[in-house]
Amino acid sequence: QPTTCMRCAVGCGYLQTEADDDEHIVDVSGDPNHPTNGGVKCQRG
């Protein structure tokens, strides 16, 4: 699912993958289709 990082106000777009157990997100990557960051991300968020 596409989402937005809420670590700071840059507003980077993420793609997040749901865990099988619904307890936490297992993978996050930059969203190449997001006009803010075009897939670039930092590790903090």
Full PDB file with SEQRES, HELIX, SHEET, SSBOND, CRYST1, ORIGX, SCALE, CONECT and MASTER records, all heavy atoms in Angstrom:
SEQRES   1 A   45  GLN PRO THR THR CYS MET ARG CYS ALA VAL GLY CYS GLY          
SEQRES   2 A   45  TYR LEU GLN THR GLU ALA ASP ASP ASP GLU HIS ILE VAL          
SEQRES   3 A   45  ASP VAL SER GLY ASP PRO ASN HIS PRO THR ASN GLY GLY          
SEQRES   4 A   45  VAL LYS CYS GLN ARG GLY                                      
SHEET    1 AA1 3 PRO A   2  THR A   4  0                                        
SHEET    2 AA1 3 GLY A  13  GLU A  18 -1                                        
SHEET    3 AA1 3 ILE A  25  GLY A  30 -1                                        
CRYST1    1.000    1.000    1.000  90.00  90.00  90.00 P 1           1          
ORIGX1      1.000000  0.000000  0.000000        0.00000                         
ORIGX2      0.000000  1.000000  0.000000        0.00000                         
ORIGX3      0.000000  0.000000  1.000000        0.00000                         
SCALE1      1.000000  0.000000  0.000000        0.00000                         
SCALE2      0.000000  1.000000  0.000000        0.00000                         
SCALE3      0.000000  0.000000  1.000000        0.00000                         
ATOM      1  N   GLN A   1       0.836  -1.198   0.000  1.00  0.00           N  
ATOM      2  CA  GLN A   1       0.000   0.000   0.000  1.00  0.00           C  
ATOM      3  C   GLN A   1       0.872   1.250   0.000  1.00  0.00           C  
ATOM      4  O   GLN A   1       1.869   1.315   0.716  1.00  0.00           O  
ATOM      5  CB  GLN A   1      -0.898   0.036   1.246  1.00  0.00           C  
ATOM      6  CG  GLN A   1      -1.941  -1.055   1.293  1.00  0.00           C  
ATOM      7  CD  GLN A   1      -2.840  -0.891   2.521  1.00  0.00           C  
ATOM      8  OE1 GLN A   1      -2.621  -0.018   3.343  1.00  0.00           O  
ATOM      9  NE2 GLN A   1      -3.841  -1.736   2.619  1.00  0.00           N  
ATOM     10  N   PRO A   2       0.481   2.264  -0.786  1.00  0.00           N  
ATOM     11  CA  PRO A   2       1.187   3.545  -0.695  1.00  0.00           C  
ATOM     12  C   PRO A   2       0.775   4.287   0.568  1.00  0.00           C  
ATOM     13  O   PRO A   2      -0.378   4.205   1.006  1.00  0.00           O  
ATOM     14  CB  PRO A   2       0.720   4.288  -1.951  1.00  0.00           C  
ATOM     15  CG  PRO A   2      -0.613   3.698  -2.271  1.00  0.00           C  
ATOM     16  CD  PRO A   2      -0.565   2.260  -1.816  1.00  0.00           C  
ATOM     17  N   THR A   3       1.706   4.993   1.159  1.00  0.00           N  
ATOM     18  CA  THR A   3       1.420   5.803   2.344  1.00  0.00           C  
ATOM     19  C   THR A   3       2.416   6.946   2.397  1.00  0.00           C  
ATOM     20  O   THR A   3       3.218   7.130   1.483  1.00  0.00           O  
ATOM     21  CB  THR A   3       1.481   4.946   3.626  1.00  0.00           C  
ATOM     22  OG1 THR A   3       0.927   5.685   4.721  1.00  0.00           O  
ATOM     23  CG2 THR A   3       2.904   4.540   3.967  1.00  0.00           C  
ATOM     24  N   THR A   4       2.369   7.727   3.465  1.00  0.00           N  
ATOM     25  CA  THR A   4       3.271   8.862   3.646  1.00  0.00           C  
ATOM     26  C   THR A   4       4.027   8.692   4.960  1.00  0.00           C  
ATOM     27  O   THR A   4       3.426   8.390   5.997  1.00  0.00           O  
ATOM     28  CB  THR A   4       2.487  10.189   3.682  1.00  0.00           C  
ATOM     29  OG1 THR A   4       1.687  10.288   2.507  1.00  0.00           O  
ATOM     30  CG2 THR A   4       3.430  11.372   3.753  1.00  0.00           C  
ATOM     31  N   CYS A   5       5.330   8.888   4.904  1.00  0.00           N  
ATOM     32  CA  CYS A   5       6.138   8.834   6.127  1.00  0.00           C  
ATOM     33  C   CYS A   5       5.762   9.999   7.037  1.00  0.00           C  
ATOM     34  O   CYS A   5       5.641  11.140   6.580  1.00  0.00           O  
ATOM     35  CB  CYS A   5       7.620   8.908   5.776  1.00  0.00           C  
ATOM     36  SG  CYS A   5       8.708   8.977   7.218  1.00  0.00           S  
ATOM     37  N   MET A   6       5.595   9.724   8.325  1.00  0.00           N  
ATOM     38  CA  MET A   6       5.272  10.781   9.280  1.00  0.00           C  
ATOM     39  C   MET A   6       6.415  11.033  10.253  1.00  0.00           C  
ATOM     40  O   MET A   6       6.219  11.472  11.373  1.00  0.00           O  
ATOM     41  CB  MET A   6       3.974  10.453  10.014  1.00  0.00           C  
ATOM     42  CG  MET A   6       2.765  10.544   9.088  1.00  0.00           C  
ATOM     43  SD  MET A   6       1.185  10.533   9.944  1.00  0.00           S  
ATOM     44  CE  MET A   6       1.223  12.093  10.814  1.00  0.00           C  
ATOM     45  N   ARG A   7       7.636  10.783   9.802  1.00  0.00           N  
ATOM     46  CA  ARG A   7       8.803  11.035  10.639  1.00  0.00           C  
ATOM     47  C   ARG A   7       9.155  12.520  10.674  1.00  0.00           C  
ATOM     48  O   ARG A   7       9.580  13.044  11.679  1.00  0.00           O  
ATOM     49  CB  ARG A   7       9.978  10.204  10.132  1.00  0.00           C  
ATOM     50  CG  ARG A   7      11.309  10.462  10.831  1.00  0.00           C  
ATOM     51  CD  ARG A   7      11.183  10.234  12.331  1.00  0.00           C  
ATOM     52  NE  ARG A   7      12.467  10.215  12.984  1.00  0.00           N  
ATOM     53  CZ  ARG A   7      13.177  11.285  13.322  1.00  0.00           C  
ATOM     54  NH1 ARG A   7      12.709  12.487  13.013  1.00  0.00           N  
ATOM     55  NH2 ARG A   7      14.333  11.166  13.939  1.00  0.00           N  
ATOM     56  N   CYS A   8       9.019  13.217   9.525  1.00  0.00           N  
ATOM     57  CA  CYS A   8       9.267  14.652   9.492  1.00  0.00           C  
ATOM     58  C   CYS A   8       8.357  15.263   8.446  1.00  0.00           C  
ATOM     59  O   CYS A   8       7.517  14.587   7.861  1.00  0.00           O  
ATOM     60  CB  CYS A   8      10.741  14.959   9.214  1.00  0.00           C  
ATOM     61  SG  CYS A   8      11.253  14.757   7.490  1.00  0.00           S  
ATOM     62  N   ALA A   9       8.514  16.532   8.167  1.00  0.00           N  
ATOM     63  CA  ALA A   9       7.581  17.246   7.300  1.00  0.00           C  
ATOM     64  C   ALA A   9       7.998  17.264   5.844  1.00  0.00           C  
ATOM     65  O   ALA A   9       7.390  17.972   5.046  1.00  0.00           O  
ATOM     66  CB  ALA A   9       7.400  18.677   7.807  1.00  0.00           C  
ATOM     67  N   VAL A  10       9.031  16.507   5.455  1.00  0.00           N  
ATOM     68  CA  VAL A  10       9.364  16.412   4.037  1.00  0.00           C  
ATOM     69  C   VAL A  10       8.212  15.748   3.288  1.00  0.00           C  
ATOM     70  O   VAL A  10       7.871  16.134   2.180  1.00  0.00           O  
ATOM     71  CB  VAL A  10      10.688  15.650   3.824  1.00  0.00           C  
ATOM     72  CG1 VAL A  10      10.947  15.432   2.333  1.00  0.00           C  
ATOM     73  CG2 VAL A  10      11.854  16.428   4.443  1.00  0.00           C  
ATOM     74  N   GLY A  11       7.575  14.739   3.912  1.00  0.00           N  
ATOM     75  CA  GLY A  11       6.388  14.128   3.325  1.00  0.00           C  
ATOM     76  C   GLY A  11       6.685  13.089   2.271  1.00  0.00           C  
ATOM     77  O   GLY A  11       5.989  13.000   1.255  1.00  0.00           O  
ATOM     78  N   CYS A  12       7.706  12.267   2.483  1.00  0.00           N  
ATOM     79  CA  CYS A  12       8.086  11.253   1.501  1.00  0.00           C  
ATOM     80  C   CYS A  12       7.013  10.185   1.352  1.00  0.00           C  
ATOM     81  O   CYS A  12       6.406   9.752   2.338  1.00  0.00           O  
ATOM     82  CB  CYS A  12       9.400  10.587   1.912  1.00  0.00           C  
ATOM     83  SG  CYS A  12      10.822  11.698   1.908  1.00  0.00           S  
ATOM     84  N   GLY A  13       6.806   9.750   0.125  1.00  0.00           N  
ATOM     85  CA  GLY A  13       5.883   8.663  -0.145  1.00  0.00           C  
ATOM     86  C   GLY A  13       6.563   7.321   0.030  1.00  0.00           C  
ATOM     87  O   GLY A  13       7.707   7.114  -0.401  1.00  0.00           O  
ATOM     88  N   TYR A  14       5.864   6.393   0.697  1.00  0.00           N  
ATOM     89  CA  TYR A  14       6.374   5.051   0.951  1.00  0.00           C  
ATOM     90  C   TYR A  14       5.452   4.017   0.321  1.00  0.00           C  
ATOM     91  O   TYR A  14       4.261   4.277   0.080  1.00  0.00           O  
ATOM     92  CB  TYR A  14       6.407   4.763   2.454  1.00  0.00           C  
ATOM     93  CG  TYR A  14       7.587   5.317   3.220  1.00  0.00           C  
ATOM     94  CD1 TYR A  14       7.684   5.112   4.597  1.00  0.00           C  
ATOM     95  CD2 TYR A  14       8.604   6.037   2.595  1.00  0.00           C  
ATOM     96  CE1 TYR A  14       8.756   5.606   5.319  1.00  0.00           C  
ATOM     97  CE2 TYR A  14       9.672   6.531   3.315  1.00  0.00           C  
ATOM     98  CZ  TYR A  14       9.745   6.314   4.676  1.00  0.00           C  
ATOM     99  OH  TYR A  14      10.801   6.799   5.390  1.00  0.00           O  
ATOM    100  N   LEU A  15       6.009   2.852   0.114  1.00  0.00           N  
ATOM    101  CA  LEU A  15       5.222   1.645  -0.132  1.00  0.00           C  
ATOM    102  C   LEU A  15       5.453   0.723   1.046  1.00  0.00           C  
ATOM    103  O   LEU A  15       6.603   0.432   1.404  1.00  0.00           O  
ATOM    104  CB  LEU A  15       5.661   0.969  -1.436  1.00  0.00           C  
ATOM    105  CG  LEU A  15       5.446   1.774  -2.717  1.00  0.00           C  
ATOM    106  CD1 LEU A  15       6.053   1.042  -3.906  1.00  0.00           C  
ATOM    107  CD2 LEU A  15       3.961   2.038  -2.957  1.00  0.00           C  
ATOM    108  N   GLN A  16       4.370   0.284   1.690  1.00  0.00           N  
ATOM    109  CA  GLN A  16       4.502  -0.555   2.873  1.00  0.00           C  
ATOM    110  C   GLN A  16       3.793  -1.890   2.638  1.00  0.00           C  
ATOM    111  O   GLN A  16       2.758  -1.961   1.998  1.00  0.00           O  
ATOM    112  CB  GLN A  16       3.935   0.139   4.113  1.00  0.00           C  
ATOM    113  CG  GLN A  16       2.485   0.560   3.997  1.00  0.00           C  
ATOM    114  CD  GLN A  16       2.028   1.409   5.174  1.00  0.00           C  
ATOM    115  OE1 GLN A  16       2.838   1.853   5.982  1.00  0.00           O  
ATOM    116  NE2 GLN A  16       0.738   1.641   5.268  1.00  0.00           N  
ATOM    117  N   THR A  17       4.398  -2.937   3.144  1.00  0.00           N  
ATOM    118  CA  THR A  17       3.874  -4.288   2.967  1.00  0.00           C  
ATOM    119  C   THR A  17       3.403  -4.831   4.295  1.00  0.00           C  
ATOM    120  O   THR A  17       4.134  -4.793   5.294  1.00  0.00           O  
ATOM    121  CB  THR A  17       4.949  -5.217   2.380  1.00  0.00           C  
ATOM    122  OG1 THR A  17       5.433  -4.649   1.170  1.00  0.00           O  
ATOM    123  CG2 THR A  17       4.371  -6.597   2.096  1.00  0.00           C  
ATOM    124  N   GLU A  18       2.204  -5.334   4.297  1.00  0.00           N  
ATOM    125  CA  GLU A  18       1.574  -5.820   5.522  1.00  0.00           C  
ATOM    126  C   GLU A  18       2.131  -7.176   5.934  1.00  0.00           C  
ATOM    127  O   GLU A  18       2.381  -8.047   5.104  1.00  0.00           O  
ATOM    128  CB  GLU A  18       0.069  -5.935   5.293  1.00  0.00           C  
ATOM    129  CG  GLU A  18      -0.731  -6.347   6.518  1.00  0.00           C  
ATOM    130  CD  GLU A  18      -2.214  -6.413   6.200  1.00  0.00           C  
ATOM    131  OE1 GLU A  18      -2.600  -6.053   5.075  1.00  0.00           O  
ATOM    132  OE2 GLU A  18      -2.971  -6.843   7.083  1.00  0.00           O  
ATOM    133  N   ALA A  19       2.293  -7.350   7.250  1.00  0.00           N  
ATOM    134  CA  ALA A  19       2.743  -8.636   7.781  1.00  0.00           C  
ATOM    135  C   ALA A  19       1.614  -9.653   7.756  1.00  0.00           C  
ATOM    136  O   ALA A  19       0.438  -9.308   7.764  1.00  0.00           O  
ATOM    137  CB  ALA A  19       3.248  -8.460   9.213  1.00  0.00           C  
ATOM    138  N   ASP A  20       2.000 -10.935   7.740  1.00  0.00           N  
ATOM    139  CA  ASP A  20       0.987 -11.995   7.747  1.00  0.00           C  
ATOM    140  C   ASP A  20       0.153 -11.980   9.015  1.00  0.00           C  
ATOM    141  O   ASP A  20      -1.031 -12.309   9.009  1.00  0.00           O  
ATOM    142  CB  ASP A  20       1.660 -13.363   7.594  1.00  0.00           C  
ATOM    143  CG  ASP A  20       2.249 -13.550   6.206  1.00  0.00           C  
ATOM    144  OD1 ASP A  20       1.684 -12.982   5.246  1.00  0.00           O  
ATOM    145  OD2 ASP A  20       3.274 -14.237   6.094  1.00  0.00           O  
ATOM    146  N   ASP A  21       0.779 -11.595  10.145  1.00  0.00           N  
ATOM    147  CA  ASP A  21       0.079 -11.648  11.430  1.00  0.00           C  
ATOM    148  C   ASP A  21      -0.630 -10.345  11.770  1.00  0.00           C  
ATOM    149  O   ASP A  21      -1.235 -10.223  12.836  1.00  0.00           O  
ATOM    150  CB  ASP A  21       1.051 -12.007  12.559  1.00  0.00           C  
ATOM    151  CG  ASP A  21       2.231 -11.034  12.648  1.00  0.00           C  
ATOM    152  OD1 ASP A  21       2.203  -9.989  11.965  1.00  0.00           O  
ATOM    153  OD2 ASP A  21       3.178 -11.334  13.393  1.00  0.00           O  
ATOM    154  N   ASP A  22      -0.572  -9.352  10.876  1.00  0.00           N  
ATOM    155  CA  ASP A  22      -1.236  -8.061  11.074  1.00  0.00           C  
ATOM    156  C   ASP A  22      -0.740  -7.311  12.305  1.00  0.00           C  
ATOM    157  O   ASP A  22      -1.402  -6.404  12.784  1.00  0.00           O  
ATOM    158  CB  ASP A  22      -2.766  -8.224  11.186  1.00  0.00           C  
ATOM    159  CG  ASP A  22      -3.399  -8.545   9.850  1.00  0.00           C  
ATOM    160  OD1 ASP A  22      -2.742  -8.266   8.826  1.00  0.00           O  
ATOM    161  OD2 ASP A  22      -4.527  -9.060   9.844  1.00  0.00           O  
ATOM    162  N   GLU A  23       0.409  -7.681  12.821  1.00  0.00           N  
ATOM    163  CA  GLU A  23       0.902  -7.015  14.025  1.00  0.00           C  
ATOM    164  C   GLU A  23       1.867  -5.878  13.710  1.00  0.00           C  
ATOM    165  O   GLU A  23       2.023  -4.972  14.499  1.00  0.00           O  
ATOM    166  CB  GLU A  23       1.585  -8.022  14.953  1.00  0.00           C  
ATOM    167  CG  GLU A  23       0.589  -8.995  15.608  1.00  0.00           C  
ATOM    168  CD  GLU A  23       1.278  -9.906  16.601  1.00  0.00           C  
ATOM    169  OE1 GLU A  23       2.505  -9.755  16.776  1.00  0.00           O  
ATOM    170  OE2 GLU A  23       0.606 -10.756  17.191  1.00  0.00           O  
ATOM    171  N   HIS A  24       2.525  -5.955  12.592  1.00  0.00           N  
ATOM    172  CA  HIS A  24       3.431  -4.870  12.241  1.00  0.00           C  
ATOM    173  C   HIS A  24       3.692  -4.895  10.747  1.00  0.00           C  
ATOM    174  O   HIS A  24       3.389  -5.855  10.061  1.00  0.00           O  
ATOM    175  CB  HIS A  24       4.756  -4.992  13.008  1.00  0.00           C  
ATOM    176  CG  HIS A  24       5.498  -6.263  12.717  1.00  0.00           C  
ATOM    177  ND1 HIS A  24       5.145  -7.471  13.262  1.00  0.00           N  
ATOM    178  CD2 HIS A  24       6.553  -6.511  11.901  1.00  0.00           C  
ATOM    179  CE1 HIS A  24       5.963  -8.415  12.826  1.00  0.00           C  
ATOM    180  NE2 HIS A  24       6.821  -7.864  11.990  1.00  0.00           N  
ATOM    181  N   ILE A  25       4.270  -3.821  10.239  1.00  0.00           N  
ATOM    182  CA  ILE A  25       4.617  -3.720   8.828  1.00  0.00           C  
ATOM    183  C   ILE A  25       5.987  -4.365   8.640  1.00  0.00           C  
ATOM    184  O   ILE A  25       6.925  -4.091   9.373  1.00  0.00           O  
ATOM    185  CB  ILE A  25       4.642  -2.244   8.404  1.00  0.00           C  
ATOM    186  CG1 ILE A  25       3.248  -1.642   8.586  1.00  0.00           C  
ATOM    187  CG2 ILE A  25       5.108  -2.081   6.978  1.00  0.00           C  
ATOM    188  CD1 ILE A  25       3.241  -0.146   8.613  1.00  0.00           C  
ATOM    189  N   VAL A  26       6.104  -5.234   7.645  1.00  0.00           N  
ATOM    190  CA  VAL A  26       7.341  -5.988   7.514  1.00  0.00           C  
ATOM    191  C   VAL A  26       8.333  -5.374   6.536  1.00  0.00           C  
ATOM    192  O   VAL A  26       9.507  -5.694   6.563  1.00  0.00           O  
ATOM    193  CB  VAL A  26       7.058  -7.446   7.096  1.00  0.00           C  
ATOM    194  CG1 VAL A  26       6.296  -8.164   8.181  1.00  0.00           C  
ATOM    195  CG2 VAL A  26       6.310  -7.515   5.778  1.00  0.00           C  
ATOM    196  N   ASP A  27       7.858  -4.483   5.642  1.00  0.00           N  
ATOM    197  CA  ASP A  27       8.787  -3.913   4.676  1.00  0.00           C  
ATOM    198  C   ASP A  27       8.302  -2.529   4.261  1.00  0.00           C  
ATOM    199  O   ASP A  27       7.107  -2.313   4.074  1.00  0.00           O  
ATOM    200  CB  ASP A  27       8.903  -4.810   3.442  1.00  0.00           C  
ATOM    201  CG  ASP A  27       9.950  -4.287   2.482  1.00  0.00           C  
ATOM    202  OD1 ASP A  27      11.099  -4.106   2.908  1.00  0.00           O  
ATOM    203  OD2 ASP A  27       9.611  -4.055   1.308  1.00  0.00           O  
ATOM    204  N   VAL A  28       9.234  -1.606   4.139  1.00  0.00           N  
ATOM    205  CA  VAL A  28       8.926  -0.255   3.678  1.00  0.00           C  
ATOM    206  C   VAL A  28       9.962   0.132   2.636  1.00  0.00           C  
ATOM    207  O   VAL A  28      11.167  -0.062   2.838  1.00  0.00           O  
ATOM    208  CB  VAL A  28       8.940   0.757   4.836  1.00  0.00           C  
ATOM    209  CG1 VAL A  28       8.820   2.173   4.299  1.00  0.00           C  
ATOM    210  CG2 VAL A  28       7.818   0.485   5.810  1.00  0.00           C  
ATOM    211  N   SER A  29       9.513   0.690   1.537  1.00  0.00           N  
ATOM    212  CA  SER A  29      10.420   1.185   0.509  1.00  0.00           C  
ATOM    213  C   SER A  29       9.904   2.520  -0.002  1.00  0.00           C  
ATOM    214  O   SER A  29       8.741   2.876   0.198  1.00  0.00           O  
ATOM    215  CB  SER A  29      10.517   0.182  -0.649  1.00  0.00           C  
ATOM    216  OG  SER A  29       9.240  -0.039  -1.229  1.00  0.00           O  
ATOM    217  N   GLY A  30      10.760   3.279  -0.670  1.00  0.00           N  
ATOM    218  CA  GLY A  30      10.342   4.535  -1.254  1.00  0.00           C  
ATOM    219  C   GLY A  30       9.388   4.302  -2.417  1.00  0.00           C  
ATOM    220  O   GLY A  30       9.511   3.326  -3.161  1.00  0.00           O  
ATOM    221  N   ASP A  31       8.418   5.212  -2.558  1.00  0.00           N  
ATOM    222  CA  ASP A  31       7.424   5.095  -3.620  1.00  0.00           C  
ATOM    223  C   ASP A  31       7.918   5.865  -4.848  1.00  0.00           C  
ATOM    224  O   ASP A  31       7.934   7.098  -4.850  1.00  0.00           O  
ATOM    225  CB  ASP A  31       6.090   5.661  -3.138  1.00  0.00           C  
ATOM    226  CG  ASP A  31       4.973   5.511  -4.153  1.00  0.00           C  
ATOM    227  OD1 ASP A  31       5.256   5.083  -5.290  1.00  0.00           O  
ATOM    228  OD2 ASP A  31       3.814   5.824  -3.818  1.00  0.00           O  
ATOM    229  N   PRO A  32       8.302   5.171  -5.923  1.00  0.00           N  
ATOM    230  CA  PRO A  32       8.837   5.877  -7.098  1.00  0.00           C  
ATOM    231  C   PRO A  32       7.799   6.738  -7.809  1.00  0.00           C  
ATOM    232  O   PRO A  32       8.164   7.623  -8.595  1.00  0.00           O  
ATOM    233  CB  PRO A  32       9.316   4.732  -8.001  1.00  0.00           C  
ATOM    234  CG  PRO A  32       8.519   3.540  -7.574  1.00  0.00           C  
ATOM    235  CD  PRO A  32       8.284   3.712  -6.105  1.00  0.00           C  
ATOM    236  N   ASN A  33       6.507   6.511  -7.526  1.00  0.00           N  
ATOM    237  CA  ASN A  33       5.454   7.288  -8.167  1.00  0.00           C  
ATOM    238  C   ASN A  33       5.017   8.504  -7.355  1.00  0.00           C  
ATOM    239  O   ASN A  33       4.112   9.229  -7.771  1.00  0.00           O  
ATOM    240  CB  ASN A  33       4.233   6.397  -8.428  1.00  0.00           C  
ATOM    241  CG  ASN A  33       4.533   5.286  -9.414  1.00  0.00           C  
ATOM    242  OD1 ASN A  33       5.194   5.513 -10.427  1.00  0.00           O  
ATOM    243  ND2 ASN A  33       4.078   4.078  -9.118  1.00  0.00           N  
ATOM    244  N   HIS A  34       5.641   8.707  -6.198  1.00  0.00           N  
ATOM    245  CA  HIS A  34       5.239   9.828  -5.350  1.00  0.00           C  
ATOM    246  C   HIS A  34       5.968  11.092  -5.803  1.00  0.00           C  
ATOM    247  O   HIS A  34       7.202  11.099  -5.922  1.00  0.00           O  
ATOM    248  CB  HIS A  34       5.558   9.537  -3.884  1.00  0.00           C  
ATOM    249  CG  HIS A  34       4.791  10.379  -2.927  1.00  0.00           C  
ATOM    250  ND1 HIS A  34       5.095  11.704  -2.701  1.00  0.00           N  
ATOM    251  CD2 HIS A  34       3.724  10.100  -2.129  1.00  0.00           C  
ATOM    252  CE1 HIS A  34       4.256  12.200  -1.802  1.00  0.00           C  
ATOM    253  NE2 HIS A  34       3.410  11.246  -1.445  1.00  0.00           N  
ATOM    254  N   PRO A  35       5.234  12.190  -6.084  1.00  0.00           N  
ATOM    255  CA  PRO A  35       5.880  13.397  -6.632  1.00  0.00           C  
ATOM    256  C   PRO A  35       6.811  14.105  -5.663  1.00  0.00           C  
ATOM    257  O   PRO A  35       7.635  14.920  -6.092  1.00  0.00           O  
ATOM    258  CB  PRO A  35       4.696  14.294  -7.002  1.00  0.00           C  
ATOM    259  CG  PRO A  35       3.564  13.830  -6.136  1.00  0.00           C  
ATOM    260  CD  PRO A  35       3.771  12.353  -5.973  1.00  0.00           C  
ATOM    261  N   THR A  36       6.703  13.821  -4.375  1.00  0.00           N  
ATOM    262  CA  THR A  36       7.584  14.491  -3.412  1.00  0.00           C  
ATOM    263  C   THR A  36       8.995  13.939  -3.479  1.00  0.00           C  
ATOM    264  O   THR A  36       9.962  14.691  -3.615  1.00  0.00           O  
ATOM    265  CB  THR A  36       7.025  14.345  -1.981  1.00  0.00           C  
ATOM    266  OG1 THR A  36       5.795  15.037  -1.885  1.00  0.00           O  
ATOM    267  CG2 THR A  36       8.006  14.907  -0.958  1.00  0.00           C  
ATOM    268  N   ASN A  37       9.156  12.638  -3.354  1.00  0.00           N  
ATOM    269  CA  ASN A  37      10.494  12.058  -3.219  1.00  0.00           C  
ATOM    270  C   ASN A  37      10.887  11.106  -4.330  1.00  0.00           C  
ATOM    271  O   ASN A  37      12.050  10.704  -4.416  1.00  0.00           O  
ATOM    272  CB  ASN A  37      10.622  11.339  -1.878  1.00  0.00           C  
ATOM    273  CG  ASN A  37       9.599  10.230  -1.701  1.00  0.00           C  
ATOM    274  OD1 ASN A  37       8.412  10.418  -1.951  1.00  0.00           O  
ATOM    275  ND2 ASN A  37      10.046   9.064  -1.255  1.00  0.00           N  
ATOM    276  N   GLY A  38       9.943  10.694  -5.191  1.00  0.00           N  
ATOM    277  CA  GLY A  38      10.284   9.843  -6.326  1.00  0.00           C  
ATOM    278  C   GLY A  38      11.015   8.573  -5.966  1.00  0.00           C  
ATOM    279  O   GLY A  38      11.841   8.073  -6.733  1.00  0.00           O  
ATOM    280  N   GLY A  39      10.729   8.030  -4.781  1.00  0.00           N  
ATOM    281  CA  GLY A  39      11.339   6.775  -4.367  1.00  0.00           C  
ATOM    282  C   GLY A  39      12.503   6.918  -3.417  1.00  0.00           C  
ATOM    283  O   GLY A  39      12.925   5.940  -2.786  1.00  0.00           O  
ATOM    284  N   VAL A  40      13.060   8.124  -3.292  1.00  0.00           N  
ATOM    285  CA  VAL A  40      14.163   8.337  -2.353  1.00  0.00           C  
ATOM    286  C   VAL A  40      13.617   8.274  -0.931  1.00  0.00           C  
ATOM    287  O   VAL A  40      12.511   8.726  -0.651  1.00  0.00           O  
ATOM    288  CB  VAL A  40      14.831   9.702  -2.609  1.00  0.00           C  
ATOM    289  CG1 VAL A  40      15.948   9.961  -1.613  1.00  0.00           C  
ATOM    290  CG2 VAL A  40      15.356   9.762  -4.037  1.00  0.00           C  
ATOM    291  N   LYS A  41      14.385   7.747  -0.005  1.00  0.00           N  
ATOM    292  CA  LYS A  41      13.926   7.653   1.384  1.00  0.00           C  
ATOM    293  C   LYS A  41      15.137   7.761   2.303  1.00  0.00           C  
ATOM    294  O   LYS A  41      16.286   7.599   1.887  1.00  0.00           O  
ATOM    295  CB  LYS A  41      13.197   6.332   1.639  1.00  0.00           C  
ATOM    296  CG  LYS A  41      14.082   5.109   1.511  1.00  0.00           C  
ATOM    297  CD  LYS A  41      13.308   3.829   1.684  1.00  0.00           C  
ATOM    298  CE  LYS A  41      14.199   2.601   1.714  1.00  0.00           C  
ATOM    299  NZ  LYS A  41      15.052   2.468   0.522  1.00  0.00           N  
ATOM    300  N   CYS A  42      14.867   8.060   3.582  1.00  0.00           N  
ATOM    301  CA  CYS A  42      15.913   7.965   4.600  1.00  0.00           C  
ATOM    302  C   CYS A  42      15.561   6.813   5.532  1.00  0.00           C  
ATOM    303  O   CYS A  42      14.422   6.341   5.550  1.00  0.00           O  
ATOM    304  CB  CYS A  42      16.059   9.268   5.371  1.00  0.00           C  
ATOM    305  SG  CYS A  42      14.744   9.600   6.568  1.00  0.00           S  
ATOM    306  N   GLN A  43      16.504   6.374   6.297  1.00  0.00           N  
ATOM    307  CA  GLN A  43      16.284   5.189   7.129  1.00  0.00           C  
ATOM    308  C   GLN A  43      15.500   5.467   8.402  1.00  0.00           C  
ATOM    309  O   GLN A  43      14.959   4.551   9.008  1.00  0.00           O  
ATOM    310  CB  GLN A  43      17.630   4.550   7.495  1.00  0.00           C  
ATOM    311  CG  GLN A  43      18.300   3.847   6.323  1.00  0.00           C  
ATOM    312  CD  GLN A  43      17.396   2.789   5.711  1.00  0.00           C  
ATOM    313  OE1 GLN A  43      16.854   1.924   6.396  1.00  0.00           O  
ATOM    314  NE2 GLN A  43      17.205   2.868   4.401  1.00  0.00           N  
ATOM    315  N   ARG A  44      15.401   6.733   8.803  1.00  0.00           N  
ATOM    316  CA  ARG A  44      14.742   7.018  10.084  1.00  0.00           C  
ATOM    317  C   ARG A  44      13.272   6.643  10.037  1.00  0.00           C  
ATOM    318  O   ARG A  44      12.760   5.930  10.903  1.00  0.00           O  
ATOM    319  CB  ARG A  44      14.897   8.492  10.445  1.00  0.00           C  
ATOM    320  CG  ARG A  44      16.329   8.957  10.510  1.00  0.00           C  
ATOM    321  CD  ARG A  44      16.400  10.455  10.663  1.00  0.00           C  
ATOM    322  NE  ARG A  44      15.479  11.103   9.765  1.00  0.00           N  
ATOM    323  CZ  ARG A  44      15.046  12.359   9.922  1.00  0.00           C  
ATOM    324  NH1 ARG A  44      15.451  13.050  10.952  1.00  0.00           N  
ATOM    325  NH2 ARG A  44      14.224  12.902   9.064  1.00  0.00           N  
ATOM    326  N   GLY A  45      12.563   7.131   9.022  1.00  0.00           N  
ATOM    327  CA  GLY A  45      11.148   6.812   8.909  1.00  0.00           C  
ATOM    328  C   GLY A  45      10.909   5.344   8.680  1.00  0.00           C  
ATOM    329  O   GLY A  45       9.941   4.760   9.189  1.00  0.00           O  
TER     330      GLY A  45                                                      
MASTER        0    0    0    0    3    0    0    6  329    1    0    4          
END                                                                             
